Amino acid sequence: MPFESGKVNTMPGCGEFSLIDHFNRAVTEQVFRDGHTLVLFGFTHCRVVCPRALARYASVLGQLAGEGWPARGLYISVDPARDTPEVMRDYLQPYSAFLGLTGTTAQIDQAKAAFRVFARRASDPDEPDGYRVPHTAIAYLLDAEGRCLSHFADALAAEEVLDRMRALLATQLRQSGA
């Protein structure tokens, strides 16, 4: 889909899911249709990439909230065998901008398919449980209707993500006539 200057274009890739949040409540994508949402996939036993991404995006979301652009963060597990609601809640305590979501393997597979995320359990004798879960390292910005406005590769610096999100949110506000 081509980008039109000054206009927010939505893209495919975000769809339906039914999961359990880290407070043990059943949720669907409909629950999050009241504002902008930044969605990341990851797992609590990730040693480097996931904690780094959560810290970066929590900082971005905090900065945006301080500027009057509130957005929530969702962290969807790709490791439902280990990432129970309680484990997710404990893991996300330092990242209060994020709500953890987990579920059964089938529920997680549905969420991964909805966002076109790759994740697959891989044997790793260096890990305490004998495996790791390589996965897509992209964050997705959704609007209040659940449409994907943009995505951000893990390699982007926080300042670039912040600038792009500001521009997208401002453009969407102008388009809505508010």
N, C-alpha and C. Protein backbone atom coordinates (compact mmCIF):
# COMPACT_ATOMS: atom_id res chain seq x y z
N MET A 1 0.86 -1.18 0.00
CA MET A 1 0.00 0.00 0.00
C MET A 1 0.89 1.23 0.00
N PRO A 2 0.75 2.13 -0.95
CA PRO A 2 1.59 3.31 -0.99
C PRO A 2 1.25 4.27 0.15
N PHE A 3 2.26 5.01 0.58
CA PHE A 3 2.07 6.01 1.62
C PHE A 3 1.75 7.34 0.96
N GLU A 4 0.68 7.96 1.44
CA GLU A 4 0.31 9.28 0.95
C GLU A 4 0.70 10.28 2.02
N SER A 5 1.50 11.25 1.66
CA SER A 5 1.95 12.26 2.61
C SER A 5 0.75 12.95 3.25
N GLY A 6 0.81 13.06 4.58
CA GLY A 6 -0.26 13.74 5.31
C GLY A 6 -1.50 12.90 5.53
N LYS A 7 -1.45 11.62 5.17
CA LYS A 7 -2.61 10.77 5.34
C LYS A 7 -2.17 9.45 5.98
N VAL A 8 -2.95 8.97 6.94
CA VAL A 8 -2.64 7.69 7.54
C VAL A 8 -3.29 6.59 6.71
N ASN A 9 -2.49 5.67 6.25
CA ASN A 9 -2.97 4.51 5.51
C ASN A 9 -2.91 3.30 6.42
N THR A 10 -3.98 2.55 6.49
CA THR A 10 -3.95 1.34 7.30
C THR A 10 -3.46 0.20 6.44
N MET A 11 -3.01 -0.86 7.10
CA MET A 11 -2.46 -2.00 6.38
C MET A 11 -3.02 -3.28 6.96
N PRO A 12 -2.95 -4.35 6.22
CA PRO A 12 -3.43 -5.62 6.75
C PRO A 12 -2.49 -6.14 7.83
N GLY A 13 -2.93 -7.15 8.56
CA GLY A 13 -2.05 -7.80 9.50
C GLY A 13 -2.57 -7.87 10.91
N CYS A 14 -3.65 -7.21 11.22
CA CYS A 14 -4.17 -7.22 12.58
C CYS A 14 -5.59 -7.78 12.54
N GLY A 15 -5.85 -8.75 13.37
CA GLY A 15 -7.16 -9.38 13.31
C GLY A 15 -7.67 -9.80 14.67
N GLU A 16 -8.49 -10.81 14.64
CA GLU A 16 -9.19 -11.25 15.85
C GLU A 16 -8.30 -12.12 16.72
N PHE A 17 -8.51 -11.98 18.03
CA PHE A 17 -7.87 -12.88 18.98
C PHE A 17 -8.72 -12.97 20.23
N SER A 18 -8.54 -14.05 20.96
CA SER A 18 -9.22 -14.29 22.22
C SER A 18 -8.17 -14.86 23.17
N LEU A 19 -7.78 -14.07 24.18
CA LEU A 19 -6.68 -14.44 25.06
C LEU A 19 -7.04 -14.18 26.52
N ILE A 20 -6.09 -14.41 27.40
CA ILE A 20 -6.24 -14.15 28.83
C ILE A 20 -5.22 -13.09 29.21
N ASP A 21 -5.66 -12.04 29.90
CA ASP A 21 -4.70 -11.00 30.29
C ASP A 21 -3.97 -11.41 31.56
N HIS A 22 -2.99 -10.61 31.95
CA HIS A 22 -2.19 -11.01 33.10
C HIS A 22 -2.90 -10.81 34.44
N PHE A 23 -4.15 -10.39 34.40
CA PHE A 23 -5.00 -10.38 35.59
C PHE A 23 -5.99 -11.54 35.55
N ASN A 24 -5.76 -12.45 34.60
CA ASN A 24 -6.57 -13.67 34.43
C ASN A 24 -7.98 -13.41 33.92
N ARG A 25 -8.14 -12.32 33.14
CA ARG A 25 -9.43 -11.99 32.54
C ARG A 25 -9.42 -12.37 31.07
N ALA A 26 -10.52 -12.93 30.59
CA ALA A 26 -10.65 -13.23 29.16
C ALA A 26 -10.82 -11.92 28.40
N VAL A 27 -10.07 -11.76 27.31
CA VAL A 27 -10.15 -10.55 26.50
C VAL A 27 -10.13 -10.93 25.02
N THR A 28 -10.73 -10.07 24.22
CA THR A 28 -10.63 -10.18 22.76
C THR A 28 -10.09 -8.85 22.24
N GLU A 29 -9.83 -8.79 20.96
CA GLU A 29 -9.35 -7.55 20.37
C GLU A 29 -10.36 -6.42 20.55
N GLN A 30 -11.64 -6.75 20.72
CA GLN A 30 -12.68 -5.73 20.89
C GLN A 30 -12.49 -4.89 22.15
N VAL A 31 -11.90 -5.47 23.19
CA VAL A 31 -11.68 -4.76 24.46
C VAL A 31 -10.77 -3.55 24.27
N PHE A 32 -9.91 -3.61 23.26
CA PHE A 32 -8.89 -2.59 23.08
C PHE A 32 -9.24 -1.59 21.98
N ARG A 33 -10.52 -1.50 21.66
CA ARG A 33 -10.96 -0.61 20.59
C ARG A 33 -11.36 0.77 21.09
N ASP A 34 -10.78 1.20 22.19
CA ASP A 34 -11.12 2.52 22.72
C ASP A 34 -9.95 3.49 22.67
N GLY A 35 -8.88 3.11 22.02
CA GLY A 35 -7.72 3.98 21.92
C GLY A 35 -6.63 3.31 21.11
N HIS A 36 -5.52 3.98 20.99
CA HIS A 36 -4.39 3.43 20.24
C HIS A 36 -3.66 2.39 21.08
N THR A 37 -3.15 1.37 20.39
CA THR A 37 -2.50 0.25 21.07
C THR A 37 -1.23 -0.11 20.33
N LEU A 38 -0.16 -0.34 21.08
CA LEU A 38 1.09 -0.82 20.53
C LEU A 38 1.22 -2.29 20.93
N VAL A 39 1.32 -3.18 19.96
CA VAL A 39 1.33 -4.63 20.20
C VAL A 39 2.71 -5.20 19.92
N LEU A 40 3.23 -5.94 20.90
CA LEU A 40 4.49 -6.67 20.74
C LEU A 40 4.24 -8.13 21.05
N PHE A 41 4.97 -8.99 20.42
CA PHE A 41 4.98 -10.41 20.74
C PHE A 41 6.32 -10.75 21.36
N GLY A 42 6.33 -11.65 22.34
CA GLY A 42 7.57 -12.04 22.98
C GLY A 42 7.32 -13.11 24.02
N PHE A 43 8.29 -13.32 24.90
CA PHE A 43 8.12 -14.32 25.94
C PHE A 43 8.98 -13.95 27.14
N THR A 44 8.58 -14.40 28.30
CA THR A 44 9.20 -13.97 29.55
C THR A 44 10.57 -14.57 29.78
N HIS A 45 10.93 -15.62 29.10
CA HIS A 45 12.25 -16.21 29.28
C HIS A 45 13.27 -15.68 28.27
N CYS A 46 12.88 -14.72 27.50
CA CYS A 46 13.78 -14.07 26.54
C CYS A 46 14.83 -13.29 27.33
N ARG A 47 16.07 -13.45 26.95
CA ARG A 47 17.15 -12.84 27.74
C ARG A 47 17.52 -11.42 27.31
N VAL A 48 17.41 -11.12 26.02
CA VAL A 48 17.93 -9.83 25.55
C VAL A 48 16.90 -9.03 24.77
N VAL A 49 16.40 -9.57 23.68
CA VAL A 49 15.59 -8.80 22.73
C VAL A 49 14.29 -8.31 23.37
N CYS A 50 13.55 -9.19 24.02
CA CYS A 50 12.25 -8.80 24.58
C CYS A 50 12.38 -7.76 25.70
N PRO A 51 13.27 -7.96 26.68
CA PRO A 51 13.40 -6.91 27.71
C PRO A 51 13.85 -5.57 27.13
N ARG A 52 14.75 -5.61 26.15
CA ARG A 52 15.20 -4.38 25.52
C ARG A 52 14.05 -3.68 24.79
N ALA A 53 13.26 -4.46 24.05
CA ALA A 53 12.12 -3.88 23.32
C ALA A 53 11.08 -3.33 24.29
N LEU A 54 10.78 -4.08 25.34
CA LEU A 54 9.79 -3.60 26.31
C LEU A 54 10.25 -2.29 26.95
N ALA A 55 11.53 -2.20 27.32
CA ALA A 55 12.04 -0.96 27.93
C ALA A 55 11.94 0.20 26.94
N ARG A 56 12.33 -0.04 25.69
CA ARG A 56 12.28 1.01 24.67
C ARG A 56 10.85 1.49 24.45
N TYR A 57 9.92 0.54 24.24
CA TYR A 57 8.55 0.93 23.94
C TYR A 57 7.82 1.47 25.17
N ALA A 58 8.16 1.01 26.36
CA ALA A 58 7.56 1.59 27.58
C ALA A 58 7.98 3.05 27.71
N SER A 59 9.22 3.34 27.37
CA SER A 59 9.71 4.72 27.40
C SER A 59 8.97 5.57 26.37
N VAL A 60 8.80 5.04 25.17
CA VAL A 60 8.08 5.76 24.11
C VAL A 60 6.64 6.03 24.54
N LEU A 61 5.96 5.01 25.07
CA LEU A 61 4.57 5.18 25.49
C LEU A 61 4.46 6.18 26.64
N GLY A 62 5.42 6.16 27.55
CA GLY A 62 5.43 7.13 28.64
C GLY A 62 5.61 8.55 28.14
N GLN A 63 6.52 8.73 27.20
CA GLN A 63 6.75 10.04 26.61
C GLN A 63 5.49 10.54 25.90
N LEU A 64 4.86 9.68 25.11
CA LEU A 64 3.64 10.07 24.40
C LEU A 64 2.53 10.43 25.37
N ALA A 65 2.36 9.66 26.43
CA ALA A 65 1.32 9.95 27.43
C ALA A 65 1.57 11.31 28.07
N GLY A 66 2.83 11.61 28.35
CA GLY A 66 3.17 12.90 28.93
C GLY A 66 2.89 14.06 28.00
N GLU A 67 2.83 13.79 26.70
CA GLU A 67 2.53 14.82 25.70
C GLU A 67 1.05 14.85 25.33
N GLY A 68 0.24 14.03 26.00
CA GLY A 68 -1.19 14.02 25.71
C GLY A 68 -1.61 13.05 24.63
N TRP A 69 -0.74 12.10 24.29
CA TRP A 69 -1.05 11.08 23.27
C TRP A 69 -1.06 9.70 23.93
N PRO A 70 -2.04 9.41 24.76
CA PRO A 70 -2.02 8.11 25.45
C PRO A 70 -2.23 6.95 24.49
N ALA A 71 -1.46 5.90 24.71
CA ALA A 71 -1.61 4.65 23.98
C ALA A 71 -1.24 3.53 24.95
N ARG A 72 -1.90 2.41 24.83
CA ARG A 72 -1.59 1.28 25.70
C ARG A 72 -0.65 0.33 24.98
N GLY A 73 0.03 -0.48 25.75
CA GLY A 73 0.88 -1.51 25.19
C GLY A 73 0.32 -2.89 25.51
N LEU A 74 0.37 -3.79 24.54
CA LEU A 74 0.00 -5.19 24.74
C LEU A 74 1.22 -6.04 24.44
N TYR A 75 1.51 -6.97 25.33
CA TYR A 75 2.63 -7.89 25.15
C TYR A 75 2.04 -9.28 25.07
N ILE A 76 2.03 -9.86 23.88
CA ILE A 76 1.40 -11.16 23.65
C ILE A 76 2.47 -12.24 23.67
N SER A 77 2.29 -13.22 24.54
CA SER A 77 3.26 -14.30 24.68
C SER A 77 3.27 -15.21 23.46
N VAL A 78 4.47 -15.66 23.11
CA VAL A 78 4.62 -16.71 22.09
C VAL A 78 5.03 -18.03 22.76
N ASP A 79 4.97 -18.06 24.10
CA ASP A 79 5.38 -19.23 24.88
C ASP A 79 4.33 -19.55 25.94
N PRO A 80 3.14 -19.99 25.50
CA PRO A 80 2.07 -20.20 26.47
C PRO A 80 2.36 -21.31 27.49
N ALA A 81 3.28 -22.21 27.18
CA ALA A 81 3.61 -23.27 28.13
C ALA A 81 4.21 -22.71 29.42
N ARG A 82 5.00 -21.66 29.31
CA ARG A 82 5.63 -21.07 30.50
C ARG A 82 5.00 -19.76 30.94
N ASP A 83 4.39 -19.04 30.01
CA ASP A 83 3.90 -17.69 30.31
C ASP A 83 2.44 -17.71 30.77
N THR A 84 2.25 -18.07 32.02
CA THR A 84 0.92 -18.03 32.63
C THR A 84 0.57 -16.57 32.93
N PRO A 85 -0.68 -16.27 33.23
CA PRO A 85 -1.02 -14.89 33.59
C PRO A 85 -0.16 -14.38 34.75
N GLU A 86 0.07 -15.21 35.75
CA GLU A 86 0.86 -14.78 36.92
C GLU A 86 2.31 -14.48 36.53
N VAL A 87 2.89 -15.34 35.71
CA VAL A 87 4.26 -15.13 35.25
C VAL A 87 4.33 -13.84 34.43
N MET A 88 3.37 -13.64 33.56
CA MET A 88 3.34 -12.42 32.73
C MET A 88 3.21 -11.18 33.62
N ARG A 89 2.33 -11.24 34.61
CA ARG A 89 2.13 -10.08 35.50
C ARG A 89 3.43 -9.73 36.22
N ASP A 90 4.12 -10.73 36.76
CA ASP A 90 5.38 -10.47 37.46
C ASP A 90 6.43 -9.91 36.50
N TYR A 91 6.53 -10.51 35.33
CA TYR A 91 7.53 -10.10 34.35
C TYR A 91 7.31 -8.66 33.89
N LEU A 92 6.06 -8.25 33.75
CA LEU A 92 5.76 -6.93 33.20
C LEU A 92 5.70 -5.83 34.26
N GLN A 93 5.94 -6.14 35.53
CA GLN A 93 5.90 -5.10 36.56
C GLN A 93 6.77 -3.89 36.23
N PRO A 94 7.99 -4.07 35.72
CA PRO A 94 8.79 -2.87 35.39
C PRO A 94 8.29 -2.11 34.16
N TYR A 95 7.36 -2.69 33.44
CA TYR A 95 6.86 -2.10 32.19
C TYR A 95 5.36 -1.85 32.33
N SER A 96 4.99 -0.93 33.18
CA SER A 96 3.58 -0.74 33.53
C SER A 96 2.71 -0.27 32.36
N ALA A 97 3.32 0.18 31.27
CA ALA A 97 2.54 0.58 30.10
C ALA A 97 1.97 -0.63 29.36
N PHE A 98 2.43 -1.83 29.73
CA PHE A 98 2.04 -3.04 29.00
C PHE A 98 1.14 -3.95 29.81
N LEU A 99 0.16 -4.50 29.12
CA LEU A 99 -0.71 -5.55 29.64
C LEU A 99 -0.28 -6.84 28.95
N GLY A 100 0.00 -7.87 29.74
CA GLY A 100 0.41 -9.15 29.17
C GLY A 100 -0.78 -9.98 28.76
N LEU A 101 -0.66 -10.65 27.63
CA LEU A 101 -1.72 -11.54 27.14
C LEU A 101 -1.12 -12.91 26.85
N THR A 102 -1.82 -13.94 27.27
CA THR A 102 -1.40 -15.31 27.03
C THR A 102 -2.64 -16.15 26.76
N GLY A 103 -2.48 -17.44 26.70
CA GLY A 103 -3.62 -18.31 26.45
C GLY A 103 -3.15 -19.71 26.14
N THR A 104 -4.03 -20.48 25.56
CA THR A 104 -3.67 -21.83 25.13
C THR A 104 -2.81 -21.74 23.88
N THR A 105 -2.21 -22.84 23.51
CA THR A 105 -1.42 -22.87 22.28
C THR A 105 -2.29 -22.48 21.08
N ALA A 106 -3.51 -22.97 21.04
CA ALA A 106 -4.41 -22.64 19.92
C ALA A 106 -4.74 -21.14 19.91
N GLN A 107 -4.97 -20.56 21.08
CA GLN A 107 -5.27 -19.13 21.14
C GLN A 107 -4.07 -18.29 20.70
N ILE A 108 -2.89 -18.68 21.15
CA ILE A 108 -1.68 -17.96 20.75
C ILE A 108 -1.44 -18.11 19.26
N ASP A 109 -1.66 -19.30 18.73
CA ASP A 109 -1.52 -19.51 17.28
C ASP A 109 -2.47 -18.62 16.50
N GLN A 110 -3.70 -18.44 16.99
CA GLN A 110 -4.66 -17.56 16.33
C GLN A 110 -4.18 -16.12 16.36
N ALA A 111 -3.65 -15.66 17.50
CA ALA A 111 -3.14 -14.29 17.60
C ALA A 111 -1.94 -14.09 16.69
N LYS A 112 -1.04 -15.08 16.65
CA LYS A 112 0.12 -14.97 15.77
C LYS A 112 -0.33 -14.88 14.31
N ALA A 113 -1.30 -15.69 13.93
CA ALA A 113 -1.80 -15.65 12.56
C ALA A 113 -2.47 -14.31 12.26
N ALA A 114 -3.19 -13.75 13.23
CA ALA A 114 -3.88 -12.47 13.03
C ALA A 114 -2.90 -11.35 12.74
N PHE A 115 -1.70 -11.42 13.33
CA PHE A 115 -0.68 -10.39 13.13
C PHE A 115 0.43 -10.83 12.19
N ARG A 116 0.28 -12.04 11.64
CA ARG A 116 1.29 -12.60 10.73
C ARG A 116 2.66 -12.67 11.39
N VAL A 117 2.66 -13.18 12.61
CA VAL A 117 3.89 -13.30 13.40
C VAL A 117 4.41 -14.72 13.33
N PHE A 118 5.71 -14.85 13.13
CA PHE A 118 6.37 -16.14 13.18
C PHE A 118 6.90 -16.36 14.60
N ALA A 119 6.69 -17.53 15.13
CA ALA A 119 7.31 -17.95 16.40
C ALA A 119 7.27 -19.47 16.41
N ARG A 120 8.41 -20.05 16.78
CA ARG A 120 8.47 -21.51 16.83
C ARG A 120 9.44 -21.92 17.93
N ARG A 121 9.02 -22.85 18.73
CA ARG A 121 9.86 -23.40 19.79
C ARG A 121 11.07 -24.09 19.16
N ALA A 122 12.27 -23.81 19.69
CA ALA A 122 13.50 -24.40 19.18
C ALA A 122 14.31 -24.96 20.33
N SER A 123 14.83 -26.15 20.15
CA SER A 123 15.65 -26.78 21.17
C SER A 123 16.90 -25.94 21.43
N ASP A 124 17.24 -25.79 22.71
CA ASP A 124 18.44 -25.04 23.10
C ASP A 124 18.93 -25.57 24.43
N PRO A 125 19.96 -26.39 24.42
CA PRO A 125 20.45 -26.99 25.66
C PRO A 125 21.00 -25.97 26.65
N ASP A 126 21.29 -24.75 26.20
CA ASP A 126 21.79 -23.71 27.10
C ASP A 126 20.68 -23.04 27.91
N GLU A 127 19.45 -23.26 27.54
CA GLU A 127 18.30 -22.68 28.26
C GLU A 127 17.88 -23.62 29.39
N PRO A 128 17.45 -23.08 30.53
CA PRO A 128 17.07 -23.92 31.67
C PRO A 128 15.98 -24.96 31.34
N ASP A 129 15.01 -24.59 30.52
CA ASP A 129 13.94 -25.53 30.16
C ASP A 129 14.24 -26.27 28.86
N GLY A 130 15.42 -26.05 28.29
CA GLY A 130 15.83 -26.78 27.10
C GLY A 130 15.33 -26.21 25.78
N TYR A 131 14.68 -25.05 25.81
CA TYR A 131 14.22 -24.46 24.56
C TYR A 131 14.13 -22.94 24.66
N ARG A 132 14.09 -22.33 23.49
CA ARG A 132 13.84 -20.89 23.35
C ARG A 132 12.77 -20.74 22.27
N VAL A 133 12.30 -19.52 22.06
CA VAL A 133 11.23 -19.31 21.08
C VAL A 133 11.60 -18.13 20.16
N PRO A 134 12.37 -18.40 19.10
CA PRO A 134 12.64 -17.32 18.13
C PRO A 134 11.31 -16.82 17.55
N HIS A 135 11.21 -15.50 17.36
CA HIS A 135 9.94 -14.93 16.90
C HIS A 135 10.15 -13.62 16.17
N THR A 136 9.12 -13.19 15.47
CA THR A 136 9.10 -11.90 14.81
C THR A 136 9.29 -10.81 15.86
N ALA A 137 10.20 -9.88 15.59
CA ALA A 137 10.48 -8.80 16.54
C ALA A 137 10.02 -7.47 15.94
N ILE A 138 8.72 -7.33 15.83
CA ILE A 138 8.10 -6.13 15.27
C ILE A 138 7.00 -5.67 16.21
N ALA A 139 6.87 -4.37 16.38
CA ALA A 139 5.76 -3.80 17.15
C ALA A 139 4.75 -3.22 16.16
N TYR A 140 3.47 -3.37 16.49
CA TYR A 140 2.38 -2.93 15.61
C TYR A 140 1.59 -1.83 16.31
N LEU A 141 1.38 -0.71 15.64
CA LEU A 141 0.55 0.36 16.18
C LEU A 141 -0.84 0.24 15.59
N LEU A 142 -1.84 0.07 16.46
CA LEU A 142 -3.23 -0.06 16.04
C LEU A 142 -3.99 1.21 16.40
N ASP A 143 -4.97 1.55 15.58
CA ASP A 143 -5.84 2.67 15.92
C ASP A 143 -6.98 2.18 16.79
N ALA A 144 -7.90 3.07 17.14
CA ALA A 144 -9.01 2.74 18.04
C ALA A 144 -10.01 1.78 17.43
N GLU A 145 -9.90 1.55 16.13
CA GLU A 145 -10.79 0.58 15.47
C GLU A 145 -10.07 -0.74 15.21
N GLY A 146 -8.84 -0.87 15.71
CA GLY A 146 -8.09 -2.10 15.55
C GLY A 146 -7.35 -2.24 14.23
N ARG A 147 -7.31 -1.16 13.46
CA ARG A 147 -6.57 -1.20 12.19
C ARG A 147 -5.09 -0.94 12.46
N CYS A 148 -4.26 -1.63 11.71
CA CYS A 148 -2.82 -1.46 11.86
C CYS A 148 -2.38 -0.20 11.11
N LEU A 149 -1.88 0.77 11.86
CA LEU A 149 -1.42 2.02 11.25
C LEU A 149 0.01 1.92 10.76
N SER A 150 0.83 1.19 11.50
CA SER A 150 2.23 1.07 11.14
C SER A 150 2.85 -0.07 11.94
N HIS A 151 4.06 -0.40 11.58
CA HIS A 151 4.83 -1.36 12.36
C HIS A 151 6.24 -0.81 12.51
N PHE A 152 6.92 -1.28 13.55
CA PHE A 152 8.24 -0.79 13.87
C PHE A 152 9.17 -1.97 14.08
N ALA A 153 10.23 -2.03 13.28
CA ALA A 153 11.21 -3.10 13.40
C ALA A 153 12.00 -2.92 14.70
N ASP A 154 12.48 -4.01 15.22
CA ASP A 154 13.23 -3.98 16.48
C ASP A 154 14.47 -3.10 16.40
N ALA A 155 15.03 -2.94 15.22
CA ALA A 155 16.27 -2.17 15.06
C ALA A 155 16.07 -0.66 15.18
N LEU A 156 14.83 -0.18 15.15
CA LEU A 156 14.59 1.27 15.22
C LEU A 156 14.90 1.81 16.61
N ALA A 157 15.54 2.95 16.64
CA ALA A 157 15.83 3.62 17.90
C ALA A 157 14.54 4.21 18.48
N ALA A 158 14.52 4.37 19.79
CA ALA A 158 13.33 4.89 20.47
C ALA A 158 12.92 6.25 19.91
N GLU A 159 13.87 7.11 19.63
CA GLU A 159 13.55 8.45 19.13
C GLU A 159 12.85 8.39 17.77
N GLU A 160 13.28 7.47 16.91
CA GLU A 160 12.64 7.33 15.60
C GLU A 160 11.22 6.80 15.75
N VAL A 161 11.04 5.82 16.63
CA VAL A 161 9.70 5.29 16.89
C VAL A 161 8.81 6.41 17.43
N LEU A 162 9.33 7.16 18.39
CA LEU A 162 8.58 8.26 18.99
C LEU A 162 8.17 9.29 17.93
N ASP A 163 9.10 9.68 17.08
CA ASP A 163 8.79 10.66 16.02
C ASP A 163 7.72 10.12 15.07
N ARG A 164 7.86 8.85 14.67
CA ARG A 164 6.89 8.27 13.74
C ARG A 164 5.52 8.14 14.39
N MET A 165 5.48 7.73 15.65
CA MET A 165 4.18 7.61 16.33
C MET A 165 3.52 8.97 16.50
N ARG A 166 4.29 9.97 16.88
CA ARG A 166 3.74 11.33 16.99
C ARG A 166 3.10 11.75 15.67
N ALA A 167 3.83 11.56 14.58
CA ALA A 167 3.32 11.97 13.27
C ALA A 167 2.05 11.20 12.90
N LEU A 168 2.04 9.89 13.15
CA LEU A 168 0.86 9.09 12.83
C LEU A 168 -0.35 9.51 13.67
N LEU A 169 -0.13 9.72 14.96
CA LEU A 169 -1.23 10.11 15.84
C LEU A 169 -1.76 11.50 15.47
N ALA A 170 -0.87 12.42 15.18
CA ALA A 170 -1.30 13.77 14.79
C ALA A 170 -2.07 13.75 13.47
N THR A 171 -1.57 12.97 12.51
CA THR A 171 -2.24 12.89 11.21
C THR A 171 -3.62 12.26 11.37
N GLN A 172 -3.70 11.21 12.18
CA GLN A 172 -4.99 10.57 12.38
C GLN A 172 -5.97 11.51 13.09
N LEU A 173 -5.47 12.30 14.02
CA LEU A 173 -6.33 13.28 14.70
C LEU A 173 -6.85 14.31 13.70
N ARG A 174 -6.00 14.79 12.81
CA ARG A 174 -6.43 15.77 11.79
C ARG A 174 -7.47 15.14 10.85
N GLN A 175 -7.26 13.88 10.47
CA GLN A 175 -8.19 13.22 9.57
C GLN A 175 -9.55 13.01 10.22
N SER A 176 -9.56 12.84 11.53
CA SER A 176 -10.84 12.62 12.21
C SER A 176 -11.62 13.91 12.41
N GLY A 177 -10.94 15.04 12.17
CA GLY A 177 -11.62 16.33 12.31
C GLY A 177 -11.67 16.85 13.73
N ALA A 178 -10.95 16.19 14.62
CA ALA A 178 -10.94 16.62 16.02
C ALA A 178 -10.03 17.80 16.24
